[in-house]
Amino acid sequence: MLICHLQLRFNAFQKASYETNKIMISRKAFSLIEVLFAAAIMTIAVLPLLWMTRYSNKSTMDAYYELLAMTLAKEPIQVFRAIGYSDLVLNINNPHPDFPVGEQQIPCDGIKRPVEASAFKRKIQLEVLSAEKAVRVMVSVFPGGQNRVSTWISNDSVTMEALIFEKIR
């Protein structure tokens, strides 16, 4: 009885195994159309993620370089404010050795700045407004040539202006 029962189970297992093998034999692999369809769906799913990552990186670098340019533009304005109106008027052509009037490449020696600061140029203009008893300081910072900064930054230049008035005593 036990042998007969085992024989029936073995026959049932063999029959199920045969049916499974029959299905597997009739379908050995994916067709080319199925593979191409799966690849197209994966591409459609992954491309927006890649574009979003690229845009995020570009926005981050643009914000970093724009902030650096604004900092480099503020630098001479703050120094000239500390110098004051009367000393600026006396030395209008060369008010400070680190911040000469005119256009120059921004050096990274002396004052501590990020290395990327040397990729910028700065143009400083001073104008005496005698009617208002003020000095107008105009500072423009822009990428100096073809470099990494000009690739990432979206604005051509960052310009800041300030008026430095005579102190009233």
N, C-alpha and C. Protein backbone atom coordinates (compact mmCIF):
# COMPACT_ATOMS: atom_id res chain seq x y z
N MET A 1 0.81 -1.18 0.00
CA MET A 1 0.00 0.00 0.00
C MET A 1 0.86 1.25 0.00
N LEU A 2 1.88 1.24 0.83
CA LEU A 2 2.79 2.38 0.90
C LEU A 2 3.54 2.54 -0.42
N ILE A 3 3.96 1.46 -0.99
CA ILE A 3 4.68 1.52 -2.26
C ILE A 3 3.77 2.04 -3.35
N CYS A 4 2.52 1.59 -3.36
CA CYS A 4 1.56 2.05 -4.35
C CYS A 4 1.31 3.54 -4.21
N HIS A 5 1.20 4.01 -2.98
CA HIS A 5 0.99 5.44 -2.72
C HIS A 5 2.19 6.27 -3.18
N LEU A 6 3.39 5.78 -2.90
CA LEU A 6 4.61 6.48 -3.34
C LEU A 6 4.70 6.49 -4.86
N GLN A 7 4.31 5.38 -5.48
CA GLN A 7 4.34 5.29 -6.94
C GLN A 7 3.39 6.31 -7.55
N LEU A 8 2.21 6.48 -6.98
CA LEU A 8 1.25 7.46 -7.49
C LEU A 8 1.77 8.88 -7.34
N ARG A 9 2.39 9.16 -6.19
CA ARG A 9 2.95 10.51 -5.98
C ARG A 9 4.08 10.77 -6.95
N PHE A 10 4.91 9.77 -7.17
CA PHE A 10 6.03 9.94 -8.09
C PHE A 10 5.51 10.17 -9.51
N ASN A 11 4.47 9.46 -9.91
CA ASN A 11 3.87 9.65 -11.23
C ASN A 11 3.27 11.05 -11.36
N ALA A 12 2.62 11.52 -10.31
CA ALA A 12 2.04 12.87 -10.34
C ALA A 12 3.15 13.92 -10.45
N PHE A 13 4.22 13.73 -9.69
CA PHE A 13 5.35 14.66 -9.76
C PHE A 13 5.98 14.65 -11.14
N GLN A 14 6.12 13.45 -11.72
CA GLN A 14 6.70 13.33 -13.06
C GLN A 14 5.83 14.02 -14.09
N LYS A 15 4.52 13.87 -13.95
CA LYS A 15 3.59 14.48 -14.89
C LYS A 15 3.67 16.01 -14.78
N ALA A 16 3.70 16.56 -13.54
CA ALA A 16 3.80 18.00 -13.34
C ALA A 16 5.14 18.52 -13.87
N SER A 17 6.18 17.76 -13.62
CA SER A 17 7.51 18.15 -14.10
C SER A 17 7.54 18.14 -15.63
N TYR A 18 6.89 17.17 -16.22
CA TYR A 18 6.84 17.09 -17.68
C TYR A 18 6.10 18.30 -18.25
N GLU A 19 4.98 18.69 -17.62
CA GLU A 19 4.20 19.84 -18.09
C GLU A 19 5.03 21.13 -17.97
N THR A 20 5.75 21.29 -16.85
CA THR A 20 6.60 22.47 -16.65
C THR A 20 7.71 22.50 -17.68
N ASN A 21 8.33 21.36 -17.92
CA ASN A 21 9.41 21.30 -18.92
C ASN A 21 8.87 21.58 -20.31
N LYS A 22 7.66 21.13 -20.58
CA LYS A 22 7.04 21.35 -21.88
C LYS A 22 6.85 22.86 -22.10
N ILE A 23 6.39 23.56 -21.05
CA ILE A 23 6.21 25.01 -21.16
C ILE A 23 7.56 25.69 -21.33
N MET A 24 8.56 25.28 -20.54
CA MET A 24 9.88 25.90 -20.61
C MET A 24 10.56 25.63 -21.95
N ILE A 25 10.35 24.44 -22.51
CA ILE A 25 10.96 24.11 -23.80
C ILE A 25 10.35 24.96 -24.90
N SER A 26 9.07 25.22 -24.82
CA SER A 26 8.42 26.01 -25.87
C SER A 26 8.83 27.48 -25.76
N ARG A 27 9.36 27.91 -24.63
CA ARG A 27 9.74 29.33 -24.46
C ARG A 27 11.13 29.35 -23.82
N LYS A 28 12.17 29.39 -24.65
CA LYS A 28 13.53 29.33 -24.14
C LYS A 28 14.07 30.71 -23.77
N ALA A 29 13.70 31.77 -24.49
CA ALA A 29 14.29 33.09 -24.23
C ALA A 29 13.30 34.18 -24.62
N PHE A 30 13.71 35.44 -24.36
CA PHE A 30 12.91 36.58 -24.75
C PHE A 30 13.12 36.85 -26.23
N SER A 31 12.09 37.38 -26.86
CA SER A 31 12.26 37.74 -28.27
C SER A 31 12.92 39.10 -28.36
N LEU A 32 13.42 39.44 -29.51
CA LEU A 32 14.10 40.72 -29.73
C LEU A 32 13.14 41.89 -29.50
N ILE A 33 11.90 41.73 -29.89
CA ILE A 33 10.91 42.80 -29.71
C ILE A 33 10.68 43.06 -28.22
N GLU A 34 10.61 42.01 -27.42
CA GLU A 34 10.43 42.18 -25.98
C GLU A 34 11.63 42.90 -25.35
N VAL A 35 12.82 42.56 -25.77
CA VAL A 35 14.02 43.20 -25.24
C VAL A 35 14.05 44.68 -25.63
N LEU A 36 13.73 44.99 -26.90
CA LEU A 36 13.71 46.38 -27.34
C LEU A 36 12.63 47.18 -26.62
N PHE A 37 11.50 46.58 -26.41
CA PHE A 37 10.41 47.26 -25.69
C PHE A 37 10.82 47.55 -24.24
N ALA A 38 11.44 46.60 -23.58
CA ALA A 38 11.90 46.80 -22.21
C ALA A 38 12.97 47.89 -22.14
N ALA A 39 13.88 47.89 -23.13
CA ALA A 39 14.92 48.92 -23.17
C ALA A 39 14.31 50.31 -23.39
N ALA A 40 13.30 50.40 -24.23
CA ALA A 40 12.64 51.69 -24.47
C ALA A 40 11.94 52.19 -23.21
N ILE A 41 11.29 51.32 -22.49
CA ILE A 41 10.62 51.72 -21.25
C ILE A 41 11.65 52.18 -20.21
N MET A 42 12.76 51.47 -20.11
CA MET A 42 13.82 51.87 -19.16
C MET A 42 14.40 53.23 -19.54
N THR A 43 14.59 53.46 -20.82
CA THR A 43 15.13 54.75 -21.28
C THR A 43 14.17 55.87 -20.96
N ILE A 44 12.90 55.66 -21.22
CA ILE A 44 11.89 56.68 -20.92
C ILE A 44 11.83 56.95 -19.42
N ALA A 45 12.06 55.95 -18.61
CA ALA A 45 12.01 56.12 -17.16
C ALA A 45 13.26 56.80 -16.61
N VAL A 46 14.44 56.55 -17.20
CA VAL A 46 15.70 57.03 -16.64
C VAL A 46 16.09 58.41 -17.18
N LEU A 47 15.77 58.74 -18.42
CA LEU A 47 16.19 60.01 -19.00
C LEU A 47 15.73 61.24 -18.21
N PRO A 48 14.49 61.34 -17.76
CA PRO A 48 14.12 62.51 -16.96
C PRO A 48 14.94 62.65 -15.68
N LEU A 49 15.29 61.53 -15.07
CA LEU A 49 16.13 61.60 -13.87
C LEU A 49 17.51 62.15 -14.19
N LEU A 50 18.07 61.74 -15.32
CA LEU A 50 19.38 62.25 -15.73
C LEU A 50 19.30 63.74 -16.06
N TRP A 51 18.27 64.17 -16.76
CA TRP A 51 18.11 65.59 -17.09
C TRP A 51 17.94 66.42 -15.82
N MET A 52 17.17 65.90 -14.86
CA MET A 52 16.96 66.62 -13.62
C MET A 52 18.27 66.76 -12.84
N THR A 53 19.07 65.72 -12.82
CA THR A 53 20.37 65.77 -12.15
C THR A 53 21.28 66.78 -12.82
N ARG A 54 21.31 66.79 -14.15
CA ARG A 54 22.15 67.72 -14.89
C ARG A 54 21.71 69.17 -14.61
N TYR A 55 20.43 69.43 -14.63
CA TYR A 55 19.92 70.78 -14.37
C TYR A 55 20.24 71.20 -12.94
N SER A 56 20.10 70.29 -12.01
CA SER A 56 20.41 70.59 -10.61
C SER A 56 21.88 70.94 -10.44
N ASN A 57 22.76 70.19 -11.07
CA ASN A 57 24.19 70.49 -11.00
C ASN A 57 24.50 71.84 -11.62
N LYS A 58 23.91 72.15 -12.76
CA LYS A 58 24.16 73.43 -13.42
C LYS A 58 23.67 74.58 -12.56
N SER A 59 22.49 74.43 -11.96
CA SER A 59 21.94 75.48 -11.11
C SER A 59 22.82 75.70 -9.87
N THR A 60 23.30 74.64 -9.30
CA THR A 60 24.15 74.75 -8.11
C THR A 60 25.46 75.46 -8.44
N MET A 61 26.09 75.08 -9.54
CA MET A 61 27.35 75.73 -9.93
C MET A 61 27.13 77.18 -10.31
N ASP A 62 26.02 77.47 -10.98
CA ASP A 62 25.71 78.85 -11.35
C ASP A 62 25.52 79.70 -10.09
N ALA A 63 24.81 79.19 -9.12
CA ALA A 63 24.59 79.93 -7.87
C ALA A 63 25.90 80.14 -7.12
N TYR A 64 26.77 79.13 -7.12
CA TYR A 64 28.06 79.25 -6.43
C TYR A 64 28.92 80.33 -7.08
N TYR A 65 29.04 80.29 -8.41
CA TYR A 65 29.89 81.27 -9.09
C TYR A 65 29.29 82.67 -9.04
N GLU A 66 27.98 82.78 -9.05
CA GLU A 66 27.36 84.10 -8.95
C GLU A 66 27.57 84.68 -7.55
N LEU A 67 27.47 83.85 -6.52
CA LEU A 67 27.75 84.31 -5.17
C LEU A 67 29.21 84.73 -5.03
N LEU A 68 30.11 83.97 -5.61
CA LEU A 68 31.53 84.33 -5.58
C LEU A 68 31.77 85.65 -6.28
N ALA A 69 31.12 85.87 -7.43
CA ALA A 69 31.27 87.13 -8.16
C ALA A 69 30.72 88.30 -7.35
N MET A 70 29.59 88.10 -6.67
CA MET A 70 29.04 89.18 -5.84
C MET A 70 29.97 89.49 -4.67
N THR A 71 30.57 88.48 -4.08
CA THR A 71 31.52 88.69 -2.99
C THR A 71 32.74 89.46 -3.48
N LEU A 72 33.23 89.10 -4.68
CA LEU A 72 34.39 89.80 -5.24
C LEU A 72 34.05 91.23 -5.62
N ALA A 73 32.79 91.51 -5.94
CA ALA A 73 32.38 92.88 -6.25
C ALA A 73 32.21 93.71 -4.97
N LYS A 74 31.77 93.07 -3.89
CA LYS A 74 31.58 93.79 -2.63
C LYS A 74 32.90 94.17 -1.96
N GLU A 75 33.92 93.35 -2.21
CA GLU A 75 35.21 93.54 -1.55
C GLU A 75 35.75 94.97 -1.66
N PRO A 76 35.95 95.50 -2.87
CA PRO A 76 36.50 96.86 -2.96
C PRO A 76 35.54 97.93 -2.42
N ILE A 77 34.25 97.70 -2.55
CA ILE A 77 33.28 98.68 -2.04
C ILE A 77 33.43 98.81 -0.52
N GLN A 78 33.56 97.68 0.17
CA GLN A 78 33.72 97.72 1.63
C GLN A 78 35.04 98.38 2.03
N VAL A 79 36.11 98.10 1.27
CA VAL A 79 37.41 98.72 1.58
C VAL A 79 37.33 100.22 1.35
N PHE A 80 36.72 100.64 0.25
CA PHE A 80 36.62 102.08 -0.05
C PHE A 80 35.73 102.79 0.98
N ARG A 81 34.71 102.12 1.48
CA ARG A 81 33.89 102.72 2.55
C ARG A 81 34.73 102.94 3.80
N ALA A 82 35.60 101.96 4.09
CA ALA A 82 36.47 102.09 5.26
C ALA A 82 37.49 103.22 5.07
N ILE A 83 37.96 103.41 3.84
CA ILE A 83 38.91 104.49 3.55
C ILE A 83 38.24 105.85 3.76
N GLY A 84 37.02 105.98 3.31
CA GLY A 84 36.26 107.21 3.51
C GLY A 84 36.35 108.15 2.31
N TYR A 85 35.42 109.09 2.29
CA TYR A 85 35.28 110.03 1.17
C TYR A 85 36.52 110.89 0.96
N SER A 86 37.03 111.51 2.01
CA SER A 86 38.12 112.47 1.85
C SER A 86 39.39 111.81 1.32
N ASP A 87 39.74 110.62 1.81
CA ASP A 87 40.94 109.92 1.30
C ASP A 87 40.72 109.38 -0.11
N LEU A 88 39.52 109.02 -0.43
CA LEU A 88 39.24 108.56 -1.80
C LEU A 88 39.40 109.70 -2.80
N VAL A 89 38.93 110.88 -2.45
CA VAL A 89 39.04 112.02 -3.35
C VAL A 89 40.51 112.40 -3.55
N LEU A 90 41.32 112.32 -2.48
CA LEU A 90 42.75 112.65 -2.58
C LEU A 90 43.50 111.65 -3.45
N ASN A 91 43.14 110.37 -3.36
CA ASN A 91 43.83 109.31 -4.11
C ASN A 91 42.87 108.63 -5.08
N ILE A 92 42.21 109.40 -5.89
CA ILE A 92 41.16 108.86 -6.76
C ILE A 92 41.70 107.87 -7.80
N ASN A 93 42.94 108.05 -8.23
CA ASN A 93 43.51 107.17 -9.26
C ASN A 93 44.05 105.86 -8.70
N ASN A 94 44.46 105.86 -7.45
CA ASN A 94 44.97 104.64 -6.84
C ASN A 94 44.65 104.65 -5.34
N PRO A 95 43.41 104.39 -4.96
CA PRO A 95 43.01 104.50 -3.56
C PRO A 95 43.58 103.41 -2.66
N HIS A 96 43.81 102.22 -3.20
CA HIS A 96 44.31 101.11 -2.40
C HIS A 96 45.12 100.18 -3.30
N PRO A 97 46.30 99.71 -2.84
CA PRO A 97 47.14 98.86 -3.71
C PRO A 97 46.50 97.52 -4.09
N ASP A 98 45.66 96.96 -3.23
CA ASP A 98 45.01 95.68 -3.56
C ASP A 98 43.83 95.84 -4.51
N PHE A 99 43.32 97.07 -4.66
CA PHE A 99 42.15 97.32 -5.49
C PHE A 99 42.42 98.49 -6.42
N PRO A 100 43.25 98.28 -7.45
CA PRO A 100 43.54 99.39 -8.38
C PRO A 100 42.34 99.72 -9.26
N VAL A 101 42.24 100.96 -9.65
CA VAL A 101 41.18 101.41 -10.55
C VAL A 101 41.48 100.85 -11.93
N GLY A 102 40.44 100.40 -12.62
CA GLY A 102 40.58 99.81 -13.95
C GLY A 102 40.28 98.33 -13.92
N GLU A 103 40.62 97.67 -15.02
CA GLU A 103 40.32 96.24 -15.16
C GLU A 103 41.56 95.42 -14.83
N GLN A 104 41.38 94.37 -14.08
CA GLN A 104 42.49 93.49 -13.74
C GLN A 104 42.00 92.08 -13.45
N GLN A 105 42.88 91.10 -13.63
CA GLN A 105 42.61 89.73 -13.22
C GLN A 105 42.67 89.69 -11.70
N ILE A 106 41.78 88.97 -11.07
CA ILE A 106 41.75 88.93 -9.61
C ILE A 106 42.82 87.95 -9.12
N PRO A 107 43.78 88.45 -8.34
CA PRO A 107 44.84 87.55 -7.84
C PRO A 107 44.36 86.74 -6.65
N CYS A 108 44.98 85.60 -6.43
CA CYS A 108 44.65 84.78 -5.26
C CYS A 108 45.78 84.81 -4.24
N ASP A 109 46.71 85.72 -4.39
CA ASP A 109 47.77 85.84 -3.39
C ASP A 109 47.44 87.02 -2.47
N GLY A 110 47.97 87.00 -1.29
CA GLY A 110 47.68 88.08 -0.34
C GLY A 110 46.37 87.83 0.37
N ILE A 111 45.28 88.32 -0.17
CA ILE A 111 43.96 88.14 0.44
C ILE A 111 43.50 86.70 0.20
N LYS A 112 42.98 86.09 1.23
CA LYS A 112 42.50 84.70 1.11
C LYS A 112 41.20 84.67 0.33
N ARG A 113 41.24 83.98 -0.79
CA ARG A 113 40.05 83.81 -1.64
C ARG A 113 40.01 82.37 -2.13
N PRO A 114 38.86 81.92 -2.58
CA PRO A 114 38.82 80.59 -3.20
C PRO A 114 39.66 80.57 -4.48
N VAL A 115 40.12 79.41 -4.85
CA VAL A 115 40.96 79.28 -6.05
C VAL A 115 40.22 79.74 -7.29
N GLU A 116 38.89 79.53 -7.34
CA GLU A 116 38.11 79.92 -8.51
C GLU A 116 38.08 81.43 -8.72
N ALA A 117 38.44 82.21 -7.71
CA ALA A 117 38.42 83.67 -7.84
C ALA A 117 39.40 84.14 -8.90
N SER A 118 40.47 83.39 -9.12
CA SER A 118 41.45 83.79 -10.14
C SER A 118 40.90 83.64 -11.56
N ALA A 119 39.76 83.00 -11.73
CA ALA A 119 39.14 82.86 -13.05
C ALA A 119 38.28 84.07 -13.41
N PHE A 120 38.18 85.04 -12.49
CA PHE A 120 37.37 86.24 -12.72
C PHE A 120 38.26 87.45 -12.98
N LYS A 121 37.70 88.42 -13.67
CA LYS A 121 38.30 89.74 -13.82
C LYS A 121 37.39 90.75 -13.13
N ARG A 122 38.00 91.85 -12.67
CA ARG A 122 37.22 92.87 -11.97
C ARG A 122 37.57 94.23 -12.56
N LYS A 123 36.55 95.03 -12.79
CA LYS A 123 36.72 96.39 -13.30
C LYS A 123 36.18 97.35 -12.25
N ILE A 124 37.07 98.23 -11.75
CA ILE A 124 36.69 99.19 -10.72
C ILE A 124 36.72 100.59 -11.34
N GLN A 125 35.64 101.33 -11.16
CA GLN A 125 35.55 102.71 -11.63
C GLN A 125 35.15 103.60 -10.46
N LEU A 126 35.83 104.72 -10.33
CA LEU A 126 35.51 105.71 -9.29
C LEU A 126 35.15 107.01 -9.98
N GLU A 127 34.10 107.64 -9.51
CA GLU A 127 33.66 108.91 -10.08
C GLU A 127 33.31 109.85 -8.93
N VAL A 128 33.94 111.03 -8.93
CA VAL A 128 33.66 112.01 -7.89
C VAL A 128 32.43 112.81 -8.30
N LEU A 129 31.43 112.83 -7.44
CA LEU A 129 30.21 113.62 -7.65
C LEU A 129 30.29 114.81 -6.71
N SER A 130 30.86 115.89 -7.21
CA SER A 130 31.14 117.04 -6.33
C SER A 130 29.87 117.72 -5.85
N ALA A 131 28.80 117.71 -6.64
CA ALA A 131 27.56 118.36 -6.22
C ALA A 131 26.96 117.65 -4.98
N GLU A 132 27.05 116.33 -4.94
CA GLU A 132 26.52 115.57 -3.82
C GLU A 132 27.55 115.32 -2.73
N LYS A 133 28.81 115.73 -2.99
CA LYS A 133 29.94 115.43 -2.10
C LYS A 133 29.98 113.94 -1.80
N ALA A 134 30.09 113.17 -2.90
CA ALA A 134 30.11 111.71 -2.80
C ALA A 134 31.03 111.15 -3.88
N VAL A 135 31.45 109.94 -3.68
CA VAL A 135 32.22 109.19 -4.68
C VAL A 135 31.37 108.00 -5.07
N ARG A 136 31.18 107.85 -6.38
CA ARG A 136 30.43 106.70 -6.89
C ARG A 136 31.44 105.60 -7.20
N VAL A 137 31.23 104.44 -6.61
CA VAL A 137 32.09 103.28 -6.83
C VAL A 137 31.29 102.28 -7.65
N MET A 138 31.82 101.91 -8.83
CA MET A 138 31.18 100.91 -9.70
C MET A 138 32.16 99.75 -9.88
N VAL A 139 31.71 98.56 -9.53
CA VAL A 139 32.55 97.37 -9.64
C VAL A 139 31.82 96.33 -10.47
N SER A 140 32.48 95.87 -11.53
CA SER A 140 31.93 94.80 -12.36
C SER A 140 32.87 93.60 -12.27
N VAL A 141 32.30 92.43 -12.08
CA VAL A 141 33.07 91.19 -12.03
C VAL A 141 32.52 90.29 -13.12
N PHE A 142 33.43 89.72 -13.91
CA PHE A 142 33.01 88.87 -15.03
C PHE A 142 34.05 87.79 -15.25
N PRO A 143 33.67 86.68 -15.91
CA PRO A 143 34.63 85.61 -16.16
C PRO A 143 35.78 86.13 -17.03
N GLY A 144 36.98 85.73 -16.70
CA GLY A 144 38.15 86.16 -17.46
C GLY A 144 38.55 85.13 -18.50
N GLY A 145 37.93 85.18 -19.66
CA GLY A 145 38.28 84.25 -20.74
C GLY A 145 37.47 82.97 -20.69
N GLN A 146 37.89 82.02 -21.52
CA GLN A 146 37.22 80.72 -21.59
C GLN A 146 37.78 79.83 -20.49
N ASN A 147 36.99 79.59 -19.48
CA ASN A 147 37.40 78.72 -18.39
C ASN A 147 36.16 78.06 -17.80
N ARG A 148 36.36 77.37 -16.70
CA ARG A 148 35.26 76.63 -16.07
C ARG A 148 34.15 77.57 -15.61
N VAL A 149 34.52 78.75 -15.16
CA VAL A 149 33.52 79.71 -14.67
C VAL A 149 32.62 80.16 -15.82
N SER A 150 33.20 80.49 -16.95
CA SER A 150 32.38 80.95 -18.08
C SER A 150 31.48 79.85 -18.61
N THR A 151 31.85 78.60 -18.37
CA THR A 151 30.99 77.48 -18.79
C THR A 151 29.76 77.37 -17.90
N TRP A 152 29.94 77.55 -16.60
CA TRP A 152 28.85 77.31 -15.66
C TRP A 152 27.98 78.53 -15.39
N ILE A 153 28.56 79.73 -15.36
CA ILE A 153 27.79 80.90 -14.93
C ILE A 153 26.87 81.37 -16.04
N SER A 154 25.65 81.76 -15.70
CA SER A 154 24.68 82.14 -16.72
C SER A 154 24.71 83.64 -17.03
N ASN A 155 25.10 84.49 -16.06
CA ASN A 155 25.18 85.93 -16.30
C ASN A 155 26.54 86.29 -16.89
N ASP A 156 26.54 87.34 -17.74
CA ASP A 156 27.80 87.80 -18.32
C ASP A 156 28.66 88.49 -17.28
N SER A 157 28.03 89.22 -16.37
CA SER A 157 28.78 89.93 -15.34
C SER A 157 27.89 90.23 -14.15
N VAL A 158 28.54 90.54 -13.03
CA VAL A 158 27.85 90.99 -11.84
C VAL A 158 28.36 92.40 -11.56
N THR A 159 27.46 93.37 -11.47
CA THR A 159 27.84 94.76 -11.26
C THR A 159 27.20 95.26 -9.98
N MET A 160 28.02 95.94 -9.17
CA MET A 160 27.52 96.56 -7.94
C MET A 160 27.98 98.01 -7.92
N GLU A 161 27.14 98.87 -7.40
CA GLU A 161 27.46 100.29 -7.27
C GLU A 161 27.18 100.74 -5.85
N ALA A 162 27.94 101.75 -5.42
CA ALA A 162 27.73 102.32 -4.10
C ALA A 162 28.14 103.79 -4.12
N LEU A 163 27.52 104.56 -3.27
CA LEU A 163 27.91 105.97 -3.08
C LEU A 163 28.54 106.10 -1.71
N ILE A 164 29.69 106.72 -1.68
CA ILE A 164 30.39 106.98 -0.42
C ILE A 164 30.34 108.48 -0.19
N PHE A 165 29.61 108.88 0.85
CA PHE A 165 29.38 110.29 1.12
C PHE A 165 30.42 110.84 2.10
N GLU A 166 30.55 112.16 2.06
CA GLU A 166 31.41 112.84 3.01
C GLU A 166 30.74 112.78 4.38
N LYS A 167 31.55 112.54 5.39
CA LYS A 167 31.00 112.47 6.75
C LYS A 167 30.65 113.86 7.22
N ILE A 168 29.50 113.99 7.80
CA ILE A 168 29.07 115.27 8.36
C ILE A 168 29.53 115.32 9.81
N ARG A 169 30.26 116.40 10.16
CA ARG A 169 30.79 116.52 11.51
C ARG A 169 30.02 117.47 12.34
